[in-house]
């Protein structure tokens, strides 16, 4: 289920963002809109907060750096389920626990 959610998050919200960001007019309007800008700042803050929580939990795989990379590649709708999927896959294989 996590893999399905991550795929959905990568294709739908991230796909819409990538499509819209390729059009200079839409991107310029979004960045000049204070509400849209606040959502962008909130997403960056949540990314940093979740990365810090992952670091504090001591989870070494996939680690907080991987979460940042997943968040930059996609959206939070992609990175959270993808990270949880990677971590749970490692646990199912009997990998070391934090």
Protein backbone atom coordinates (compact mmCIF):
# COMPACT_ATOMS: atom_id res chain seq x y z
CA UNK A 1 0.00 0.00 0.00
CA UNK A 2 2.88 2.38 0.77
CA UNK A 3 4.37 1.76 -2.67
CA UNK A 4 1.02 2.55 -4.28
CA UNK A 5 0.70 5.78 -2.26
CA UNK A 6 4.26 6.79 -3.17
CA UNK A 7 3.60 6.12 -6.86
CA UNK A 8 0.40 8.15 -6.71
CA UNK A 9 2.22 10.99 -4.93
CA UNK A 10 4.99 11.00 -7.51
CA UNK A 11 2.73 10.90 -10.55
CA UNK A 12 -0.29 13.00 -9.61
CA UNK A 13 0.66 15.94 -7.32
CA UNK A 14 4.27 15.97 -8.48
CA UNK A 15 3.26 15.53 -12.12
CA UNK A 16 0.89 18.48 -11.91
CA UNK A 17 3.61 20.59 -10.29
CA UNK A 18 6.20 19.67 -12.92
CA UNK A 19 3.72 20.42 -15.72
CA UNK A 20 2.76 23.77 -14.20
CA UNK A 21 6.35 24.77 -13.45
CA UNK A 22 7.27 24.33 -17.11
CA UNK A 23 4.93 27.20 -17.93
CA UNK A 24 6.69 30.40 -16.91
CA UNK A 25 3.47 32.41 -16.48
CA UNK A 26 1.91 29.96 -14.03
CA UNK A 27 5.12 29.64 -12.01
CA UNK A 28 5.58 33.42 -11.82
CA UNK A 29 1.99 33.92 -10.66
CA UNK A 30 2.31 31.14 -8.06
CA UNK A 31 5.53 32.58 -6.64
CA UNK A 32 4.03 36.06 -6.45
CA UNK A 33 0.95 34.77 -4.63
CA UNK A 34 1.49 35.02 -0.85
CA UNK A 35 -0.78 32.04 -0.13
CA UNK A 36 1.06 29.79 -2.60
CA UNK A 37 4.38 31.03 -1.25
CA UNK A 38 3.26 30.16 2.28
CA UNK A 39 2.43 26.60 1.18
CA UNK A 40 5.92 26.30 -0.34
CA UNK A 41 7.54 27.55 2.88
CA UNK A 42 5.37 25.18 4.92
CA UNK A 43 6.44 22.22 2.76
CA UNK A 44 10.11 23.12 3.23
CA UNK A 45 9.60 23.48 6.99
CA UNK A 46 7.85 20.09 7.19
CA UNK A 47 10.62 18.50 5.15
CA UNK A 48 13.22 19.83 7.60
CA UNK A 49 11.11 18.80 10.60
CA UNK A 50 10.60 15.24 9.35
CA UNK A 51 14.30 14.93 8.48
CA UNK A 52 15.18 16.07 11.99
CA UNK A 53 12.72 13.56 13.50
CA UNK A 54 14.22 10.76 11.41
CA UNK A 55 17.71 11.78 12.54
CA UNK A 56 16.60 11.91 16.20
CA UNK A 57 14.99 8.47 15.95
CA UNK A 58 18.36 7.00 15.04
CA UNK A 59 17.02 5.34 11.91
CA UNK A 60 20.10 4.71 9.78
CA UNK A 61 18.31 3.29 6.74
CA UNK A 62 17.27 4.95 4.56
CA UNK A 63 18.28 7.92 6.75
CA UNK A 64 17.39 11.57 6.87
CA UNK A 65 19.49 12.41 3.83
CA UNK A 66 17.43 9.99 1.72
CA UNK A 67 14.26 11.63 2.99
CA UNK A 68 15.54 15.04 1.86
CA UNK A 69 16.40 13.63 -1.58
CA UNK A 70 12.98 11.98 -1.90
CA UNK A 71 11.30 15.24 -0.88
CA UNK A 72 13.23 17.25 -3.45
CA UNK A 73 12.56 14.70 -6.20
CA UNK A 74 8.87 14.57 -5.43
CA UNK A 75 6.43 16.04 -2.99
CA UNK A 76 5.68 15.22 0.62
CA UNK A 77 2.88 13.05 -0.77
CA UNK A 78 5.63 11.02 -2.42
CA UNK A 79 8.48 11.20 0.06
CA UNK A 80 6.66 10.15 3.25
CA UNK A 81 5.16 6.90 1.88
CA UNK A 82 8.33 6.16 -0.12
CA UNK A 83 10.51 6.58 2.97
CA UNK A 84 8.18 4.44 5.09
CA UNK A 85 8.13 1.79 2.37
CA UNK A 86 11.94 1.66 2.19
CA UNK A 87 12.22 1.48 5.98
CA UNK A 88 9.55 -1.23 6.28
CA UNK A 89 11.13 -3.24 3.46
CA UNK A 90 14.41 -3.26 5.36
CA UNK A 91 12.59 -4.37 8.54
CA UNK A 92 10.82 -7.21 6.67
CA UNK A 93 14.15 -8.47 5.35
CA UNK A 94 15.45 -8.66 8.91
CA UNK A 95 17.83 -5.75 8.62
CA UNK A 96 19.29 -4.04 11.68
CA UNK A 97 16.93 -1.98 13.74
CA UNK A 98 17.82 1.52 14.86
